[in-house]
């Protein structure tokens, strides 16, 4: 199995989301280029995860439009959309069965059966050790479980990957391992990525551009250097770090 070398462009125009009688996202407009890695930062409750959920139609927007490769996502079935747009959450769940069973799960839902060779290739792409292929998934460490989730997402050959704080529950060593796997994927498979993070340090390490959200609004979108340079960066973005490279504190 060869991963499709595809990149998606994303365009969001005047997006608005309400939930529980509260406006969560307000007039969000954004363009993400093919192959770009955009990092989204902001305080807890600023709307970061909600933005990702809108792109994958886990949230239904109140107004505005989201276009993937020029096509409104509402023109696609949810199944079609989620084959193109993969998503990785803060804490991934391993299903019952082996690592191989887990990686092939999504493909089976779409009527595909992955060969063992294809599963091993996906594991290599996600930097997951081949000797784990027949191990019970429930025995994996936190970092291995996240890399399993990456392999599972890649099984559907997405061209856009949404990452909702994928390393927030991991220790520093596992965090670096998952970061390295994702950056290698971006380079080798030409994936477009939107990465929500609470870590200024991580944004500097992985991003090409940074989007700063506050109370559901876009405050600024700029290059990592312009936004997060300790001497010349955006004071609003740097203030979120509270002087702590480990994360953005609410």
C-alpha atoms as a PDB file:
ATOM      1  CA  UNK A   1       0.000   0.000   0.000  1.00  0.00           C
ATOM      2  CA  UNK A   2       1.354   3.413  -0.957  1.00  0.00           C
ATOM      3  CA  UNK A   3       0.044   6.470   0.751  1.00  0.00           C
ATOM      4  CA  UNK A   4      -1.667   8.861  -1.600  1.00  0.00           C
ATOM      5  CA  UNK A   5       0.520  11.917  -2.049  1.00  0.00           C
ATOM      6  CA  UNK A   6      -2.256  14.461  -1.863  1.00  0.00           C
ATOM      7  CA  UNK A   7      -2.590  17.854  -0.235  1.00  0.00           C
ATOM      8  CA  UNK A   8      -5.795  19.719   0.479  1.00  0.00           C
ATOM      9  CA  UNK A   9      -6.389  23.442   0.542  1.00  0.00           C
ATOM     10  CA  UNK A  10      -8.861  24.785   3.076  1.00  0.00           C
ATOM     11  CA  UNK A  11     -10.837  28.008   2.967  1.00  0.00           C
ATOM     12  CA  UNK A  12     -13.117  29.232   5.764  1.00  0.00           C
ATOM     13  CA  UNK A  13     -15.316  32.287   5.297  1.00  0.00           C
ATOM     14  CA  UNK A  14     -17.284  34.112   8.001  1.00  0.00           C
ATOM     15  CA  UNK A  15     -17.813  30.951  10.046  1.00  0.00           C
ATOM     16  CA  UNK A  16     -20.058  31.254  13.066  1.00  0.00           C
ATOM     17  CA  UNK A  17     -20.897  28.520  15.567  1.00  0.00           C
ATOM     18  CA  UNK A  18     -23.413  28.579  18.399  1.00  0.00           C
ATOM     19  CA  UNK A  19     -23.747  25.852  20.991  1.00  0.00           C
ATOM     20  CA  UNK A  20     -26.016  25.756  24.015  1.00  0.00           C
ATOM     21  CA  UNK A  21     -27.234  29.274  23.285  1.00  0.00           C
ATOM     22  CA  UNK A  22     -23.677  30.636  23.299  1.00  0.00           C
ATOM     23  CA  UNK A  23     -21.660  31.902  20.347  1.00  0.00           C
ATOM     24  CA  UNK A  24     -18.495  29.791  20.317  1.00  0.00           C
ATOM     25  CA  UNK A  25     -16.891  30.959  17.044  1.00  0.00           C
ATOM     26  CA  UNK A  26     -17.415  34.408  15.531  1.00  0.00           C
ATOM     27  CA  UNK A  27     -16.799  35.392  11.908  1.00  0.00           C
ATOM     28  CA  UNK A  28     -13.797  33.103  11.391  1.00  0.00           C
ATOM     29  CA  UNK A  29     -12.128  33.579   8.000  1.00  0.00           C
ATOM     30  CA  UNK A  30      -8.997  31.640   7.127  1.00  0.00           C
ATOM     31  CA  UNK A  31      -7.070  30.061   4.272  1.00  0.00           C
ATOM     32  CA  UNK A  32      -4.711  27.121   4.702  1.00  0.00           C
ATOM     33  CA  UNK A  33      -2.396  26.308   1.809  1.00  0.00           C
ATOM     34  CA  UNK A  34      -1.749  22.809   0.514  1.00  0.00           C
ATOM     35  CA  UNK A  35       0.999  21.150   2.552  1.00  0.00           C
ATOM     36  CA  UNK A  36       0.944  23.819   5.274  1.00  0.00           C
ATOM     37  CA  UNK A  37       1.131  23.083   8.995  1.00  0.00           C
ATOM     38  CA  UNK A  38      -0.950  25.704  10.806  1.00  0.00           C
ATOM     39  CA  UNK A  39      -0.808  25.759  14.611  1.00  0.00           C
ATOM     40  CA  UNK A  40      -3.864  27.103  16.471  1.00  0.00           C
ATOM     41  CA  UNK A  41      -3.212  28.547  19.930  1.00  0.00           C
ATOM     42  CA  UNK A  42      -5.290  30.360  22.537  1.00  0.00           C
ATOM     43  CA  UNK A  43      -6.632  30.078  26.043  1.00  0.00           C
ATOM     44  CA  UNK A  44      -8.862  27.193  27.123  1.00  0.00           C
ATOM     45  CA  UNK A  45     -12.371  27.892  25.864  1.00  0.00           C
ATOM     46  CA  UNK A  46     -11.216  30.132  23.020  1.00  0.00           C
ATOM     47  CA  UNK A  47     -12.752  27.816  20.406  1.00  0.00           C
ATOM     48  CA  UNK A  48      -9.709  25.890  19.170  1.00  0.00           C
ATOM     49  CA  UNK A  49     -11.197  22.399  19.334  1.00  0.00           C
ATOM     50  CA  UNK A  50     -14.569  23.657  18.137  1.00  0.00           C
ATOM     51  CA  UNK A  51     -12.921  25.000  14.986  1.00  0.00           C
ATOM     52  CA  UNK A  52     -11.476  21.572  14.169  1.00  0.00           C
ATOM     53  CA  UNK A  53     -14.810  19.900  14.853  1.00  0.00           C
ATOM     54  CA  UNK A  54     -16.507  22.246  12.391  1.00  0.00           C
ATOM     55  CA  UNK A  55     -14.030  21.325   9.653  1.00  0.00           C
ATOM     56  CA  UNK A  56     -14.787  17.622  10.168  1.00  0.00           C
ATOM     57  CA  UNK A  57     -18.545  18.231  10.577  1.00  0.00           C
ATOM     58  CA  UNK A  58     -18.621  17.070  14.167  1.00  0.00           C
ATOM     59  CA  UNK A  59     -20.182  20.492  14.804  1.00  0.00           C
ATOM     60  CA  UNK A  60     -22.811  22.018  12.514  1.00  0.00           C
ATOM     61  CA  UNK A  61     -22.073  25.682  11.848  1.00  0.00           C
ATOM     62  CA  UNK A  62     -24.701  28.405  12.120  1.00  0.00           C
ATOM     63  CA  UNK A  63     -23.365  30.565   9.287  1.00  0.00           C
ATOM     64  CA  UNK A  64     -20.472  30.853   6.869  1.00  0.00           C
ATOM     65  CA  UNK A  65     -18.782  28.338   4.598  1.00  0.00           C
ATOM     66  CA  UNK A  66     -15.940  25.830   4.744  1.00  0.00           C
ATOM     67  CA  UNK A  67     -14.391  24.764   1.440  1.00  0.00           C
ATOM     68  CA  UNK A  68     -12.009  21.881   0.922  1.00  0.00           C
ATOM     69  CA  UNK A  69     -10.146  22.056  -2.382  1.00  0.00           C
ATOM     70  CA  UNK A  70     -12.692  24.636  -3.505  1.00  0.00           C
ATOM     71  CA  UNK A  71     -15.729  22.510  -2.677  1.00  0.00           C
ATOM     72  CA  UNK A  72     -18.178  23.292   0.128  1.00  0.00           C
ATOM     73  CA  UNK A  73     -17.926  20.490   2.675  1.00  0.00           C
ATOM     74  CA  UNK A  74     -21.730  20.278   2.893  1.00  0.00           C
ATOM     75  CA  UNK A  75     -21.681  18.974  -0.693  1.00  0.00           C
ATOM     76  CA  UNK A  76     -19.813  15.907   0.558  1.00  0.00           C
ATOM     77  CA  UNK A  77     -21.320  13.117   2.588  1.00  0.00           C
ATOM     78  CA  UNK A  78     -19.893  12.826   6.088  1.00  0.00           C
ATOM     79  CA  UNK A  79     -18.302   9.537   5.016  1.00  0.00           C
ATOM     80  CA  UNK A  80     -16.630  11.166   1.999  1.00  0.00           C
ATOM     81  CA  UNK A  81     -15.409  14.089   4.092  1.00  0.00           C
ATOM     82  CA  UNK A  82     -13.891  11.929   6.810  1.00  0.00           C
ATOM     83  CA  UNK A  83     -11.997   9.852   4.290  1.00  0.00           C
ATOM     84  CA  UNK A  84     -10.252  13.038   3.178  1.00  0.00           C
ATOM     85  CA  UNK A  85     -10.049  14.765   6.571  1.00  0.00           C
ATOM     86  CA  UNK A  86      -8.510  12.682   9.346  1.00  0.00           C
ATOM     87  CA  UNK A  87      -8.631  13.696  13.001  1.00  0.00           C
ATOM     88  CA  UNK A  88      -6.469  12.884  15.999  1.00  0.00           C
ATOM     89  CA  UNK A  89      -7.731  13.706  19.487  1.00  0.00           C
ATOM     90  CA  UNK A  90      -6.038  14.502  22.803  1.00  0.00           C
ATOM     91  CA  UNK A  91      -6.573  10.979  24.115  1.00  0.00           C
ATOM     92  CA  UNK A  92      -6.964   8.313  21.482  1.00  0.00           C
ATOM     93  CA  UNK A  93      -8.901   5.161  22.275  1.00  0.00           C
ATOM     94  CA  UNK A  94      -7.526   1.754  21.393  1.00  0.00           C
ATOM     95  CA  UNK A  95     -10.230  -0.740  20.514  1.00  0.00           C
ATOM     96  CA  UNK A  96     -10.262  -4.375  21.601  1.00  0.00           C
ATOM     97  CA  UNK A  97      -7.974  -6.611  19.596  1.00  0.00           C
ATOM     98  CA  UNK A  98      -4.472  -6.355  18.245  1.00  0.00           C
ATOM     99  CA  UNK A  99      -2.625  -3.358  16.888  1.00  0.00           C
ATOM    100  CA  UNK A 100      -3.302  -4.701  13.382  1.00  0.00           C
ATOM    101  CA  UNK A 101      -7.036  -4.960  14.146  1.00  0.00           C
ATOM    102  CA  UNK A 102      -7.062  -1.350  15.296  1.00  0.00           C
ATOM    103  CA  UNK A 103      -5.233   0.015  12.265  1.00  0.00           C
ATOM    104  CA  UNK A 104      -7.606  -1.740   9.887  1.00  0.00           C
ATOM    105  CA  UNK A 105     -10.751  -0.683  11.764  1.00  0.00           C
ATOM    106  CA  UNK A 106     -11.617   2.443   9.779  1.00  0.00           C
ATOM    107  CA  UNK A 107     -10.812   0.801   6.471  1.00  0.00           C
ATOM    108  CA  UNK A 108     -13.149  -2.102   7.322  1.00  0.00           C
ATOM    109  CA  UNK A 109     -15.952   0.364   7.991  1.00  0.00           C
ATOM    110  CA  UNK A 110     -15.459   1.557   4.411  1.00  0.00           C
ATOM    111  CA  UNK A 111     -15.482  -1.969   2.996  1.00  0.00           C
ATOM    112  CA  UNK A 112     -11.712  -2.361   2.696  1.00  0.00           C
ATOM    113  CA  UNK A 113      -9.513  -5.084   4.145  1.00  0.00           C
ATOM    114  CA  UNK A 114      -5.900  -4.060   4.571  1.00  0.00           C
ATOM    115  CA  UNK A 115      -3.191  -6.602   3.871  1.00  0.00           C
ATOM    116  CA  UNK A 116      -0.593  -7.298   6.531  1.00  0.00           C
ATOM    117  CA  UNK A 117       1.983  -5.567   4.337  1.00  0.00           C
ATOM    118  CA  UNK A 118      -0.216  -2.473   4.159  1.00  0.00           C
ATOM    119  CA  UNK A 119      -0.640  -2.448   7.937  1.00  0.00           C
ATOM    120  CA  UNK A 120       3.105  -2.735   8.471  1.00  0.00           C
ATOM    121  CA  UNK A 121       3.683   0.132   6.041  1.00  0.00           C
ATOM    122  CA  UNK A 122       1.203   2.301   7.936  1.00  0.00           C
ATOM    123  CA  UNK A 123       2.965   1.441  11.188  1.00  0.00           C
ATOM    124  CA  UNK A 124       6.280   2.496   9.674  1.00  0.00           C
ATOM    125  CA  UNK A 125       4.764   5.772   8.470  1.00  0.00           C
ATOM    126  CA  UNK A 126       3.496   6.427  12.005  1.00  0.00           C
ATOM    127  CA  UNK A 127       6.854   5.419  13.565  1.00  0.00           C
ATOM    128  CA  UNK A 128       5.197   2.506  15.373  1.00  0.00           C
ATOM    129  CA  UNK A 129       7.439  -0.509  15.934  1.00  0.00           C
ATOM    130  CA  UNK A 130       6.654  -3.440  13.597  1.00  0.00           C
ATOM    131  CA  UNK A 131       7.032  -6.007  16.385  1.00  0.00           C
ATOM    132  CA  UNK A 132       3.875  -4.599  18.004  1.00  0.00           C
ATOM    133  CA  UNK A 133       1.635  -5.618  15.093  1.00  0.00           C
ATOM    134  CA  UNK A 134       0.139  -8.674  16.833  1.00  0.00           C
ATOM    135  CA  UNK A 135       0.242  -7.266  20.366  1.00  0.00           C
ATOM    136  CA  UNK A 136      -2.984  -6.350  22.209  1.00  0.00           C
ATOM    137  CA  UNK A 137      -3.573  -2.645  21.601  1.00  0.00           C
ATOM    138  CA  UNK A 138      -4.576  -2.148  25.230  1.00  0.00           C
ATOM    139  CA  UNK A 139      -0.977  -2.856  26.302  1.00  0.00           C
ATOM    140  CA  UNK A 140       0.494   0.099  24.406  1.00  0.00           C
ATOM    141  CA  UNK A 141       2.038   3.078  26.181  1.00  0.00           C
ATOM    142  CA  UNK A 142       0.481   6.513  25.777  1.00  0.00           C
ATOM    143  CA  UNK A 143       2.915   7.534  23.062  1.00  0.00           C
ATOM    144  CA  UNK A 144       2.490   4.244  21.205  1.00  0.00           C
ATOM    145  CA  UNK A 145      -1.288   4.602  21.436  1.00  0.00           C
ATOM    146  CA  UNK A 146      -1.130   8.038  19.803  1.00  0.00           C
ATOM    147  CA  UNK A 147       1.089   6.691  17.023  1.00  0.00           C
ATOM    148  CA  UNK A 148      -1.427   3.861  16.592  1.00  0.00           C
ATOM    149  CA  UNK A 149      -4.130   6.499  16.161  1.00  0.00           C
ATOM    150  CA  UNK A 150      -1.980   8.196  13.502  1.00  0.00           C
ATOM    151  CA  UNK A 151      -1.632   4.903  11.606  1.00  0.00           C
ATOM    152  CA  UNK A 152      -5.383   4.301  11.898  1.00  0.00           C
ATOM    153  CA  UNK A 153      -6.108   7.751  10.465  1.00  0.00           C
ATOM    154  CA  UNK A 154      -3.618   7.244   7.635  1.00  0.00           C
ATOM    155  CA  UNK A 155      -5.323   4.007   6.580  1.00  0.00           C
ATOM    156  CA  UNK A 156      -7.962   6.093   4.777  1.00  0.00           C
ATOM    157  CA  UNK A 157      -5.306   8.153   2.924  1.00  0.00           C
ATOM    158  CA  UNK A 158      -6.385  11.599   4.155  1.00  0.00           C
ATOM    159  CA  UNK A 159      -5.002  14.748   2.572  1.00  0.00           C
ATOM    160  CA  UNK A 160      -5.850  16.967   5.577  1.00  0.00           C
ATOM    161  CA  UNK A 161      -5.097  15.973   9.163  1.00  0.00           C
ATOM    162  CA  UNK A 162      -6.679  17.754  12.143  1.00  0.00           C
ATOM    163  CA  UNK A 163      -4.722  17.398  15.381  1.00  0.00           C
ATOM    164  CA  UNK A 164      -6.506  18.324  18.609  1.00  0.00           C
ATOM    165  CA  UNK A 165      -3.703  18.649  21.178  1.00  0.00           C
ATOM    166  CA  UNK A 166      -2.347  15.202  20.237  1.00  0.00           C
ATOM    167  CA  UNK A 167       0.499  15.307  22.782  1.00  0.00           C
ATOM    168  CA  UNK A 168      -1.144  17.067  25.735  1.00  0.00           C
ATOM    169  CA  UNK A 169      -1.468  13.850  27.774  1.00  0.00           C
ATOM    170  CA  UNK A 170       2.051  12.584  26.997  1.00  0.00           C
ATOM    171  CA  UNK A 171       5.376  12.893  28.791  1.00  0.00           C
ATOM    172  CA  UNK A 172       8.166  14.911  27.103  1.00  0.00           C
ATOM    173  CA  UNK A 173       9.842  11.876  25.523  1.00  0.00           C
ATOM    174  CA  UNK A 174       6.590  10.553  24.046  1.00  0.00           C
ATOM    175  CA  UNK A 175       5.682  14.083  22.928  1.00  0.00           C
ATOM    176  CA  UNK A 176       8.906  14.429  20.945  1.00  0.00           C
ATOM    177  CA  UNK A 177       8.323  11.000  19.379  1.00  0.00           C
ATOM    178  CA  UNK A 178       4.798  11.868  18.216  1.00  0.00           C
ATOM    179  CA  UNK A 179       5.942  15.285  16.963  1.00  0.00           C
ATOM    180  CA  UNK A 180       8.714  13.659  14.949  1.00  0.00           C
ATOM    181  CA  UNK A 181       6.322  11.120  13.427  1.00  0.00           C
ATOM    182  CA  UNK A 182       3.859  13.819  12.378  1.00  0.00           C
ATOM    183  CA  UNK A 183       6.531  16.115  10.948  1.00  0.00           C
ATOM    184  CA  UNK A 184       7.991  13.255   8.943  1.00  0.00           C
ATOM    185  CA  UNK A 185       4.528  12.472   7.590  1.00  0.00           C
ATOM    186  CA  UNK A 186       3.982  16.051   6.584  1.00  0.00           C
ATOM    187  CA  UNK A 187       7.261  16.036   4.687  1.00  0.00           C
ATOM    188  CA  UNK A 188       7.001  12.615   3.065  1.00  0.00           C
ATOM    189  CA  UNK A 189       3.257  12.392   2.390  1.00  0.00           C
ATOM    190  CA  UNK A 190       2.566  16.070   1.641  1.00  0.00           C
ATOM    191  CA  UNK A 191      -0.178  16.238   4.250  1.00  0.00           C
ATOM    192  CA  UNK A 192      -1.850  19.514   5.130  1.00  0.00           C
ATOM    193  CA  UNK A 193      -2.186  19.784   8.928  1.00  0.00           C
ATOM    194  CA  UNK A 194      -4.017  21.984  11.424  1.00  0.00           C
ATOM    195  CA  UNK A 195      -2.557  21.421  14.889  1.00  0.00           C
ATOM    196  CA  UNK A 196      -4.222  22.753  18.056  1.00  0.00           C
ATOM    197  CA  UNK A 197      -1.669  23.212  20.837  1.00  0.00           C
ATOM    198  CA  UNK A 198      -1.396  24.661  24.337  1.00  0.00           C
ATOM    199  CA  UNK A 199       2.378  24.806  24.052  1.00  0.00           C
ATOM    200  CA  UNK A 200       4.266  27.818  22.740  1.00  0.00           C
ATOM    201  CA  UNK A 201       7.396  25.668  22.526  1.00  0.00           C
ATOM    202  CA  UNK A 202       5.586  23.106  20.411  1.00  0.00           C
ATOM    203  CA  UNK A 203       4.181  25.782  18.119  1.00  0.00           C
ATOM    204  CA  UNK A 204       7.726  27.002  17.510  1.00  0.00           C
ATOM    205  CA  UNK A 205       8.966  23.473  16.816  1.00  0.00           C
ATOM    206  CA  UNK A 206       6.294  22.285  14.411  1.00  0.00           C
ATOM    207  CA  UNK A 207       4.447  25.196  12.833  1.00  0.00           C
ATOM    208  CA  UNK A 208       4.899  27.284   9.733  1.00  0.00           C
ATOM    209  CA  UNK A 209       2.112  29.722  10.668  1.00  0.00           C
ATOM    210  CA  UNK A 210       0.237  30.371  13.885  1.00  0.00           C
ATOM    211  CA  UNK A 211      -3.401  31.351  14.378  1.00  0.00           C
ATOM    212  CA  UNK A 212      -4.267  33.055  17.672  1.00  0.00           C
ATOM    213  CA  UNK A 213      -7.865  32.653  18.896  1.00  0.00           C
ATOM    214  CA  UNK A 214      -9.514  34.517  21.752  1.00  0.00           C
ATOM    215  CA  UNK A 215     -13.177  34.200  22.731  1.00  0.00           C
ATOM    216  CA  UNK A 216     -13.983  32.606  19.400  1.00  0.00           C
ATOM    217  CA  UNK A 217     -12.372  35.310  17.265  1.00  0.00           C
ATOM    218  CA  UNK A 218      -9.200  35.308  15.200  1.00  0.00           C
ATOM    219  CA  UNK A 219      -6.849  37.872  16.736  1.00  0.00           C
ATOM    220  CA  UNK A 220      -3.989  37.278  14.327  1.00  0.00           C
ATOM    221  CA  UNK A 221      -2.553  34.809  11.812  1.00  0.00           C
ATOM    222  CA  UNK A 222       1.159  35.119  11.088  1.00  0.00           C
ATOM    223  CA  UNK A 223       4.403  33.217  10.660  1.00  0.00           C
ATOM    224  CA  UNK A 224       5.870  31.471  13.689  1.00  0.00           C
ATOM    225  CA  UNK A 225       8.814  33.897  13.723  1.00  0.00           C
ATOM    226  CA  UNK A 226       6.647  37.005  13.601  1.00  0.00           C
ATOM    227  CA  UNK A 227       4.149  35.742  16.172  1.00  0.00           C
ATOM    228  CA  UNK A 228       6.293  33.923  18.723  1.00  0.00           C
ATOM    229  CA  UNK A 229       9.728  35.541  18.656  1.00  0.00           C
ATOM    230  CA  UNK A 230      10.483  36.312  22.338  1.00  0.00           C
ATOM    231  CA  UNK A 231      11.824  39.766  21.434  1.00  0.00           C
ATOM    232  CA  UNK A 232       9.603  40.897  18.564  1.00  0.00           C
ATOM    233  CA  UNK A 233       6.574  38.579  18.694  1.00  0.00           C
ATOM    234  CA  UNK A 234       2.914  39.357  19.381  1.00  0.00           C
ATOM    235  CA  UNK A 235       2.571  40.287  23.058  1.00  0.00           C
ATOM    236  CA  UNK A 236      -0.945  38.828  23.163  1.00  0.00           C
ATOM    237  CA  UNK A 237       0.300  35.430  21.984  1.00  0.00           C
ATOM    238  CA  UNK A 238       3.368  35.421  24.212  1.00  0.00           C
ATOM    239  CA  UNK A 239       1.287  36.473  27.225  1.00  0.00           C
ATOM    240  CA  UNK A 240      -0.670  33.225  27.009  1.00  0.00           C
ATOM    241  CA  UNK A 241       2.499  31.313  27.806  1.00  0.00           C
ATOM    242  CA  UNK A 242       2.804  33.053  31.142  1.00  0.00           C
ATOM    243  CA  UNK A 243       6.559  32.740  30.831  1.00  0.00           C
ATOM    244  CA  UNK A 244       6.213  28.957  30.782  1.00  0.00           C
ATOM    245  CA  UNK A 245       7.349  27.140  27.634  1.00  0.00           C
ATOM    246  CA  UNK A 246       5.401  24.077  28.747  1.00  0.00           C
ATOM    247  CA  UNK A 247       2.022  25.472  27.843  1.00  0.00           C
ATOM    248  CA  UNK A 248      -0.566  28.167  27.434  1.00  0.00           C
ATOM    249  CA  UNK A 249      -2.292  28.680  30.740  1.00  0.00           C
ATOM    250  CA  UNK A 250      -5.893  29.826  30.982  1.00  0.00           C
END
